Amino acid sequence: MKLIKKSCKYIDITDVKTILPHVEECLRRHKRRRSMRRMLKETFAYDEAAYQRILHSDEETIWTVAEDIAEYIAVTIKHRCIPYFTPVAGYRYDQTSGKTRLIGCETALQQFYDYVAVRSCQEIWDRRLVLQQCSSIKGRGQLYGVKLIKSYVDHDNQAATYARKHHQRYSRKCKYFAKLDLKKCYPSIDKALFLRLFEHDCGNSDIMYLWREMLAAHGRINTSEPYTGLLIGALPSQWAAQFLISFAYRHAMDNPAVKHMVVFMDDMLLTGSNRRKLKRAIEDLIVYMRDNLHMTIKPTWHIKRIRDEPIDMMGYVVHASGKLTMRARNFIHSRRLLLRAQRMKRMPRRFASRLASFKGFYIYSDCYNAARRLHAYQAFARAQKVVSKEAKKKCRCTTTASREKSTTRSCQTARQMST
């Protein structure tokens, strides 16, 4: 009988030293939130002076506070008494996609538990998630995924050129492609199914208890109907979704008709050499995901030829020649901002932030002529200078205000002592 090798067996999340780096990471990333400030004052009895030192990245204070929070988390996990969290959710309209989503907002204390739950399972993520999943993992973002697709197309072109030069036959692996999109990815995920598959890999009872409690909190949001899926905006949700999608990736790549597959969030790109075989493989993947993962793929997918229509994904467009350009919508928006910037004598901070956000599209795509005609790099440098100046001014004002508060309090204390 073959033994199942489980992960995370020797990770003790009831030990303060084990979870302290995860707590410290969460504290640094979310220290400016009002909920974090309120939690430190009400739950852990820290005063305003200590919070101001955390804001100004005082290392000693940050590690002291993180150690206190880690001790509290370790004790609650050990004695199975994690607080009863109830996240708040609301519908928000996304202007980029035109969709209205139910976004959750967790308490500051629950976010610390989320970081401990996710970061302590690094062995499972390294084992399950593949290199072609371009989300959730640091260093595997939008640009990583686009470069991955471009490398497949470039390698295809090089192999085809070599075969033509040496009078050999070669079937292009990126000749046909199809983009699949999951229908309501987070809300439709079966939490019981995820926990069952996750327990197959995880050999740690404390981690399993923590994950059950964190996912159970997602069903307590303020909706008229019972919410059964994962909560958008929670850290464990994206890792749980990618964990399930990794099973779909392995099932798709077992089919010889699928040559490449790239996953970005809930979007999937599949390429192949034969249209008919690729269509059968996609239909088989749809059935597998519906029956085994309880996830539904939208019926809007179509198989296209890369020579006729380039691959449009992650904000960029990969052409059959290997050329990389930005999406038409992004180019139109950036062009309008660049033309407006040329007419401005003084650039407002909000406008500068919008303009600077498009810099990466011009740097990493083959848009040299457009950037030269629009004087893009000069405008981006000007916008970044405005943003940097405003950030320094804000930091200086915050420091001055905190000093005035501390001076006022010390004077009040001295008066009370003298009276």
Protein backbone atom coordinates (compact mmCIF):
# COMPACT_ATOMS: atom_id res chain seq x y z
CA MET A 1 0.00 0.00 0.00
CA LYS A 2 1.37 3.38 -1.07
CA LEU A 3 1.69 5.89 1.75
CA ILE A 4 0.49 9.44 1.14
CA LYS A 5 3.17 12.04 1.85
CA LYS A 6 1.60 14.98 3.67
CA SER A 7 3.01 18.48 4.09
CA CYS A 8 3.29 20.88 7.05
CA LYS A 9 3.58 18.03 9.58
CA TYR A 10 6.41 19.69 11.48
CA ILE A 11 5.13 23.27 11.47
CA ASP A 12 3.95 24.35 14.94
CA ILE A 13 1.67 27.39 14.62
CA THR A 14 1.10 27.32 18.39
CA ASP A 15 4.74 28.41 18.79
CA VAL A 16 5.20 32.19 18.89
CA LYS A 17 8.56 32.07 17.08
CA THR A 18 6.98 30.21 14.14
CA ILE A 19 4.17 32.65 13.46
CA LEU A 20 5.97 35.86 14.50
CA PRO A 21 7.32 36.64 10.97
CA HIS A 22 3.81 36.25 9.50
CA VAL A 23 2.30 38.55 12.12
CA GLU A 24 5.05 41.11 11.58
CA GLU A 25 4.43 41.06 7.82
CA CYS A 26 0.72 41.71 8.30
CA LEU A 27 1.42 44.53 10.76
CA ARG A 28 3.77 46.30 8.35
CA ARG A 29 1.42 45.98 5.38
CA HIS A 30 -1.78 47.11 7.13
CA LYS A 31 -0.45 49.49 9.77
CA ARG A 32 -2.08 52.56 8.18
CA ARG A 33 -5.62 51.22 8.32
CA ARG A 34 -8.03 52.70 10.84
CA SER A 35 -9.20 49.23 11.87
CA MET A 36 -5.59 48.35 12.77
CA ARG A 37 -5.27 51.46 14.90
CA ARG A 38 -8.55 50.71 16.68
CA MET A 39 -7.57 47.08 17.31
CA LEU A 40 -4.20 48.00 18.82
CA LYS A 41 -5.89 50.44 21.20
CA GLU A 42 -8.95 48.41 22.21
CA THR A 43 -7.72 44.79 22.13
CA PHE A 44 -4.04 45.17 23.06
CA ALA A 45 -4.18 48.46 25.04
CA TYR A 46 -1.52 50.36 23.10
CA ASP A 47 -1.60 54.15 23.24
CA GLU A 48 -1.39 56.67 20.39
CA ALA A 49 2.35 57.19 20.89
CA ALA A 50 3.05 53.50 20.27
CA TYR A 51 0.89 53.55 17.15
CA GLN A 52 2.74 56.59 15.81
CA ARG A 53 6.05 54.78 16.31
CA ILE A 54 4.67 51.86 14.29
CA LEU A 55 3.65 54.26 11.52
CA HIS A 56 7.19 55.63 11.40
CA SER A 57 8.62 52.08 11.17
CA ASP A 58 10.25 51.93 14.57
CA GLU A 59 11.69 48.40 14.52
CA GLU A 60 11.68 47.81 18.26
CA THR A 61 8.02 48.82 18.62
CA ILE A 62 6.91 46.80 15.58
CA TRP A 63 8.52 43.60 16.81
CA THR A 64 7.26 44.13 20.37
CA VAL A 65 3.68 44.61 19.18
CA ALA A 66 3.96 41.72 16.72
CA GLU A 67 5.18 39.44 19.51
CA ASP A 68 2.18 40.33 21.70
CA ILE A 69 -0.24 39.63 18.84
CA ALA A 70 1.56 36.37 18.00
CA GLU A 71 1.28 35.20 21.60
CA TYR A 72 -2.46 35.87 21.56
CA ILE A 73 -2.93 34.00 18.24
CA ALA A 74 -0.83 31.03 19.36
CA VAL A 75 -2.81 30.62 22.60
CA THR A 76 -6.20 30.80 20.85
CA ILE A 77 -5.16 28.21 18.27
CA LYS A 78 -3.71 25.89 20.91
CA HIS A 79 -6.84 26.00 23.09
CA ARG A 80 -9.24 26.02 20.09
CA CYS A 81 -10.80 29.35 21.05
CA ILE A 82 -10.36 31.55 17.97
CA PRO A 83 -12.68 34.59 18.19
CA TYR A 84 -16.01 34.51 16.38
CA PHE A 85 -15.32 36.74 13.38
CA THR A 86 -18.13 38.31 11.33
CA PRO A 87 -16.81 40.12 8.22
CA VAL A 88 -18.81 42.92 6.62
CA ALA A 89 -19.51 42.82 2.87
CA GLY A 90 -20.91 45.29 0.36
CA TYR A 91 -21.44 45.54 -3.38
CA ARG A 92 -18.94 47.63 -5.31
CA TYR A 93 -18.89 48.60 -8.98
CA ASP A 94 -15.67 47.96 -10.87
CA GLN A 95 -15.22 50.55 -13.62
CA THR A 96 -12.52 48.53 -15.36
CA SER A 97 -14.60 45.40 -15.96
CA GLY A 98 -18.06 46.92 -15.57
CA LYS A 99 -19.04 44.30 -12.99
CA THR A 100 -20.63 44.66 -9.56
CA ARG A 101 -18.96 42.42 -6.99
CA LEU A 102 -19.62 41.56 -3.37
CA ILE A 103 -16.43 42.66 -1.60
CA GLY A 104 -15.73 41.63 1.98
CA CYS A 105 -14.06 43.64 4.71
CA GLU A 106 -12.48 41.70 7.57
CA THR A 107 -11.50 42.96 10.99
CA ALA A 108 -7.85 43.74 11.62
CA LEU A 109 -7.44 40.82 14.01
CA GLN A 110 -8.87 38.37 11.48
CA GLN A 111 -6.31 39.51 8.91
CA PHE A 112 -3.51 38.40 11.25
CA TYR A 113 -5.08 34.94 11.43
CA ASP A 114 -5.35 34.95 7.62
CA TYR A 115 -1.64 35.62 7.24
CA VAL A 116 -0.76 32.84 9.66
CA ALA A 117 -3.07 30.41 7.83
CA VAL A 118 -1.68 31.20 4.38
CA ARG A 119 2.03 31.67 5.12
CA SER A 120 2.28 28.53 7.27
CA CYS A 121 1.17 26.41 4.26
CA GLN A 122 4.07 27.37 2.00
CA GLU A 123 5.03 23.69 1.61
CA ILE A 124 1.60 22.94 0.15
CA TRP A 125 1.70 25.90 -2.23
CA ASP A 126 5.19 24.90 -3.44
CA ARG A 127 3.98 21.38 -3.99
CA ARG A 128 0.62 22.07 -5.63
CA LEU A 129 0.78 25.39 -7.49
CA VAL A 130 2.56 25.27 -10.85
CA LEU A 131 4.75 27.87 -12.54
CA GLN A 132 2.01 28.63 -15.05
CA GLN A 133 -0.30 30.03 -12.34
CA CYS A 134 0.40 33.75 -12.53
CA SER A 135 -1.37 35.15 -9.49
CA SER A 136 -1.21 35.19 -5.67
CA ILE A 137 2.50 34.33 -5.65
CA LYS A 138 5.08 37.09 -5.28
CA GLY A 139 6.97 37.63 -8.53
CA ARG A 140 4.31 35.92 -10.65
CA GLY A 141 2.10 38.80 -11.60
CA GLN A 142 0.76 40.34 -14.77
CA LEU A 143 4.13 40.89 -16.44
CA TYR A 144 5.34 37.40 -15.54
CA GLY A 145 2.34 35.81 -17.25
CA VAL A 146 2.64 37.91 -20.40
CA LYS A 147 6.34 37.12 -20.74
CA LEU A 148 5.51 33.44 -20.29
CA ILE A 149 3.01 33.53 -23.17
CA LYS A 150 5.46 35.51 -25.32
CA SER A 151 8.20 32.94 -24.65
CA TYR A 152 5.89 30.17 -25.91
CA VAL A 153 5.16 32.11 -29.11
CA ASP A 154 8.83 33.02 -29.65
CA HIS A 155 9.93 29.43 -29.15
CA ASP A 156 7.24 28.34 -31.60
CA ASN A 157 8.51 30.77 -34.23
CA GLN A 158 12.12 29.73 -33.72
CA ALA A 159 11.27 26.04 -34.03
CA ALA A 160 9.20 26.69 -37.18
CA THR A 161 12.06 28.68 -38.74
CA TYR A 162 14.56 25.93 -37.96
CA ALA A 163 12.26 23.24 -39.41
CA ARG A 164 11.68 25.26 -42.58
CA LYS A 165 15.41 25.86 -43.00
CA HIS A 166 16.23 22.16 -42.65
CA HIS A 167 13.21 20.96 -44.65
CA GLN A 168 11.52 19.33 -41.65
CA ARG A 169 7.91 19.20 -40.53
CA TYR A 170 6.82 21.07 -37.43
CA SER A 171 3.35 21.57 -35.92
CA ARG A 172 3.08 24.88 -34.15
CA LYS A 173 2.08 24.48 -30.50
CA CYS A 174 0.51 27.95 -30.33
CA LYS A 175 -1.32 27.76 -33.64
CA TYR A 176 -4.75 27.79 -31.97
CA PHE A 177 -5.75 29.17 -28.61
CA ALA A 178 -8.83 29.60 -26.43
CA LYS A 179 -9.51 31.76 -23.38
CA LEU A 180 -11.68 30.30 -20.62
CA ASP A 181 -13.26 32.28 -17.82
CA LEU A 182 -14.70 30.88 -14.61
CA LYS A 183 -18.23 31.94 -13.71
CA LYS A 184 -18.27 33.72 -10.32
CA CYS A 185 -15.05 32.02 -9.23
CA TYR A 186 -14.95 32.91 -5.51
CA PRO A 187 -18.70 32.81 -4.74
CA SER A 188 -19.14 29.45 -6.49
CA ILE A 189 -16.29 27.59 -4.78
CA ASP A 190 -17.34 24.68 -2.57
CA LYS A 191 -15.58 25.20 0.78
CA ALA A 192 -16.27 21.61 1.92
CA LEU A 193 -14.63 20.28 -1.24
CA PHE A 194 -11.60 22.51 -0.77
CA LEU A 195 -11.15 21.44 2.85
CA ARG A 196 -11.40 17.79 1.85
CA LEU A 197 -8.74 18.17 -0.86
CA PHE A 198 -6.63 20.41 1.36
CA GLU A 199 -6.70 17.88 4.21
CA HIS A 200 -5.36 15.28 1.77
CA ASP A 201 -2.13 17.34 1.54
CA CYS A 202 -2.01 18.90 5.00
CA GLY A 203 -0.89 16.72 7.89
CA ASN A 204 -1.27 19.35 10.61
CA SER A 205 -4.40 19.42 12.78
CA ASP A 206 -3.76 22.97 14.04
CA ILE A 207 -3.54 24.35 10.51
CA MET A 208 -6.68 22.50 9.47
CA TYR A 209 -8.55 23.92 12.49
CA LEU A 210 -7.39 27.43 11.59
CA TRP A 211 -8.48 27.08 7.96
CA ARG A 212 -11.91 25.73 8.95
CA GLU A 213 -12.49 28.68 11.27
CA MET A 214 -11.32 31.26 8.74
CA LEU A 215 -13.48 29.87 5.93
CA ALA A 216 -16.48 29.45 8.24
CA ALA A 217 -16.34 33.19 8.92
CA HIS A 218 -16.99 33.85 5.21
CA GLY A 219 -20.50 32.47 5.63
CA ARG A 220 -21.41 35.00 8.35
CA ILE A 221 -21.43 38.11 6.18
CA ASN A 222 -24.43 40.44 6.15
CA THR A 223 -26.30 39.12 3.09
CA SER A 224 -30.01 38.40 2.76
CA GLU A 225 -29.31 34.84 1.55
CA PRO A 226 -26.78 32.37 3.01
CA TYR A 227 -23.34 32.87 1.44
CA THR A 228 -21.61 29.57 0.67
CA GLY A 229 -18.53 30.59 -1.32
CA LEU A 230 -15.23 32.31 -0.59
CA LEU A 231 -15.16 35.99 0.28
CA ILE A 232 -13.60 38.38 -2.23
CA GLY A 233 -11.00 40.50 -0.47
CA ALA A 234 -9.84 37.86 2.03
CA LEU A 235 -6.29 36.54 1.72
CA PRO A 236 -7.14 32.80 2.08
CA SER A 237 -9.69 33.04 -0.76
CA GLN A 238 -7.19 33.60 -3.55
CA TRP A 239 -4.90 30.80 -2.36
CA ALA A 240 -7.80 28.38 -1.97
CA ALA A 241 -9.02 29.20 -5.48
CA GLN A 242 -5.55 28.69 -6.98
CA PHE A 243 -5.23 25.41 -5.09
CA LEU A 244 -8.39 24.07 -6.77
CA ILE A 245 -7.44 25.44 -10.20
CA SER A 246 -4.13 23.57 -10.01
CA PHE A 247 -6.10 20.32 -10.27
CA ALA A 248 -7.73 21.62 -13.46
CA TYR A 249 -4.29 22.51 -14.86
CA ARG A 250 -2.92 19.03 -14.32
CA HIS A 251 -6.02 17.43 -15.83
CA ALA A 252 -5.80 19.66 -18.93
CA MET A 253 -2.07 19.06 -19.46
CA ASP A 254 -2.59 15.28 -19.30
CA ASN A 255 -4.40 15.65 -22.63
CA PRO A 256 -1.86 15.65 -25.51
CA ALA A 257 -4.03 18.09 -27.47
CA VAL A 258 -3.20 20.86 -24.98
CA LYS A 259 0.34 22.10 -25.54
CA HIS A 260 0.43 25.07 -23.14
CA MET A 261 -1.82 26.43 -20.42
CA VAL A 262 -1.46 29.69 -18.49
CA VAL A 263 -3.72 30.70 -15.58
CA PHE A 264 -4.16 34.28 -14.39
CA MET A 265 -6.62 34.59 -11.50
CA ASP A 266 -9.76 32.95 -12.92
CA ASP A 267 -8.76 33.29 -16.61
CA MET A 268 -7.22 30.33 -18.40
CA LEU A 269 -5.41 30.27 -21.75
CA LEU A 270 -5.01 26.96 -23.62
CA THR A 271 -3.03 26.50 -26.85
CA GLY A 272 -2.82 23.60 -29.27
CA SER A 273 -1.83 22.49 -32.76
CA ASN A 274 -5.17 21.04 -33.88
CA ARG A 275 -8.46 22.90 -33.63
CA ARG A 276 -10.67 19.81 -33.41
CA LYS A 277 -8.55 18.08 -30.78
CA LEU A 278 -8.23 21.28 -28.74
CA LYS A 279 -12.00 21.69 -28.75
CA ARG A 280 -12.48 18.15 -27.40
CA ALA A 281 -9.86 18.78 -24.71
CA ILE A 282 -11.64 21.96 -23.59
CA GLU A 283 -15.01 20.22 -23.48
CA ASP A 284 -13.45 17.45 -21.38
CA LEU A 285 -11.93 20.07 -19.03
CA ILE A 286 -15.32 21.76 -18.63
CA VAL A 287 -16.93 18.47 -17.62
CA TYR A 288 -14.07 17.67 -15.21
CA MET A 289 -14.28 21.03 -13.48
CA ARG A 290 -18.06 20.81 -13.20
CA ASP A 291 -18.14 17.27 -11.78
CA ASN A 292 -14.97 17.18 -9.69
CA LEU A 293 -14.27 20.79 -8.68
CA HIS A 294 -17.86 22.15 -8.75
CA MET A 295 -16.71 25.11 -10.88
CA THR A 296 -18.40 26.38 -14.04
CA ILE A 297 -16.72 27.81 -17.14
CA LYS A 298 -18.61 30.48 -19.04
CA PRO A 299 -19.91 29.30 -22.45
CA THR A 300 -18.43 32.34 -24.21
CA TRP A 301 -15.14 30.68 -25.15
CA HIS A 302 -14.05 30.33 -28.78
CA ILE A 303 -11.04 28.72 -30.42
CA LYS A 304 -9.09 31.27 -32.47
CA ARG A 305 -6.08 31.17 -34.73
CA ILE A 306 -3.23 33.34 -33.57
CA ARG A 307 -2.47 34.42 -37.15
CA ASP A 308 -5.96 35.88 -37.43
CA GLU A 309 -6.35 37.29 -33.92
CA PRO A 310 -3.57 37.87 -31.35
CA ILE A 311 -3.73 36.75 -27.73
CA ASP A 312 -5.21 39.52 -25.59
CA MET A 313 -4.58 38.78 -21.91
CA MET A 314 -3.47 40.57 -18.73
CA GLY A 315 -3.61 44.02 -20.33
CA TYR A 316 -1.18 43.14 -23.15
CA VAL A 317 -1.53 41.68 -26.66
CA VAL A 318 0.85 38.96 -27.90
CA HIS A 319 0.98 38.77 -31.71
CA ALA A 320 1.88 35.77 -33.84
CA SER A 321 5.24 37.34 -34.69
CA GLY A 322 6.11 37.59 -31.00
CA LYS A 323 5.53 41.34 -30.85
CA LEU A 324 4.11 42.57 -27.56
CA THR A 325 1.78 45.56 -27.52
CA MET A 326 -0.60 47.00 -24.95
CA ARG A 327 -4.34 46.49 -25.05
CA ALA A 328 -6.18 49.03 -27.23
CA ARG A 329 -8.26 50.32 -24.33
CA ASN A 330 -5.17 50.93 -22.20
CA PHE A 331 -3.43 52.72 -25.09
CA ILE A 332 -6.41 55.03 -25.68
CA HIS A 333 -6.65 55.96 -21.99
CA SER A 334 -2.90 56.55 -21.67
CA ARG A 335 -2.77 58.57 -24.89
CA ARG A 336 -5.50 60.91 -23.65
CA LEU A 337 -3.65 61.44 -20.38
CA LEU A 338 -0.34 62.08 -22.16
CA LEU A 339 -1.87 64.65 -24.51
CA ARG A 340 -3.56 66.34 -21.57
CA ALA A 341 -0.26 66.39 -19.64
CA GLN A 342 1.43 68.28 -22.48
CA ARG A 343 -1.09 71.11 -22.09
CA MET A 344 -0.75 71.31 -18.30
CA LYS A 345 1.56 73.80 -16.64
CA ARG A 346 0.93 72.33 -13.20
CA MET A 347 0.06 68.65 -12.79
CA PRO A 348 -2.31 67.73 -9.90
CA ARG A 349 -1.31 64.80 -7.69
CA ARG A 350 -4.36 62.68 -8.55
CA PHE A 351 -3.79 63.13 -12.28
CA ALA A 352 -0.08 62.35 -11.83
CA SER A 353 -0.90 59.09 -10.06
CA ARG A 354 -3.22 58.02 -12.90
CA LEU A 355 -0.60 58.87 -15.51
CA ALA A 356 2.26 57.12 -13.70
CA SER A 357 0.22 53.91 -13.48
CA PHE A 358 0.52 53.48 -17.29
CA LYS A 359 4.31 53.67 -17.35
CA GLY A 360 4.79 49.89 -17.22
CA PHE A 361 2.76 49.36 -20.39
CA TYR A 362 5.15 51.56 -22.36
CA ILE A 363 8.31 50.14 -20.80
CA TYR A 364 7.57 46.45 -21.30
CA SER A 365 5.71 46.55 -24.64
CA ASP A 366 7.00 47.23 -28.14
CA CYS A 367 5.54 50.75 -28.35
CA TYR A 368 8.73 52.75 -28.89
CA ASN A 369 7.42 54.92 -31.74
CA ALA A 370 4.21 55.82 -29.89
CA ALA A 371 6.17 56.65 -26.73
CA ARG A 372 8.53 58.88 -28.72
CA ARG A 373 5.73 60.73 -30.52
CA LEU A 374 3.77 61.32 -27.31
CA HIS A 375 6.89 62.23 -25.25
CA ALA A 376 5.73 59.56 -22.82
CA TYR A 377 8.88 59.04 -20.76
CA GLN A 378 9.27 62.78 -20.03
CA ALA A 379 5.62 62.93 -18.91
CA PHE A 380 6.04 59.85 -16.71
CA ALA A 381 9.15 61.33 -15.05
CA ARG A 382 7.24 64.55 -14.39
CA ALA A 383 4.28 62.66 -12.92
CA GLN A 384 6.49 60.55 -10.67
CA LYS A 385 8.21 63.68 -9.39
CA VAL A 386 4.84 65.18 -8.43
CA VAL A 387 3.75 61.99 -6.65
CA SER A 388 7.07 61.75 -4.79
CA LYS A 389 6.93 65.40 -3.70
CA GLU A 390 3.36 65.04 -2.40
CA ALA A 391 4.24 61.86 -0.51
CA LYS A 392 7.19 63.55 1.19
CA LYS A 393 5.03 66.54 2.08
CA LYS A 394 2.36 64.27 3.60
CA CYS A 395 4.97 62.36 5.60
CA ARG A 396 6.46 65.63 6.86
CA CYS A 397 3.03 66.92 7.95
CA THR A 398 2.28 63.66 9.76
CA THR A 399 5.59 63.82 11.63
CA THR A 400 5.00 67.44 12.64
CA ALA A 401 1.48 66.68 13.85
CA SER A 402 2.64 63.71 15.93
CA ARG A 403 5.39 65.83 17.51
CA GLU A 404 2.88 68.57 18.38
CA LYS A 405 0.55 65.99 19.97
CA SER A 406 3.34 64.48 22.06
CA THR A 407 4.51 67.98 23.14
CA THR A 408 0.96 68.95 24.15
CA ARG A 409 0.51 65.77 26.16
CA SER A 410 3.85 66.20 27.94
CA CYS A 411 2.88 69.78 28.85
CA GLN A 412 -0.47 68.64 30.20
CA THR A 413 1.23 65.93 32.26
CA ALA A 414 3.71 68.46 33.69
CA ARG A 415 0.88 70.82 34.64
CA GLN A 416 -1.00 68.03 36.40
CA MET A 417 2.13 67.02 38.33
CA SER A 418 2.80 70.63 39.35
CA THR A 419 -0.77 71.10 40.61
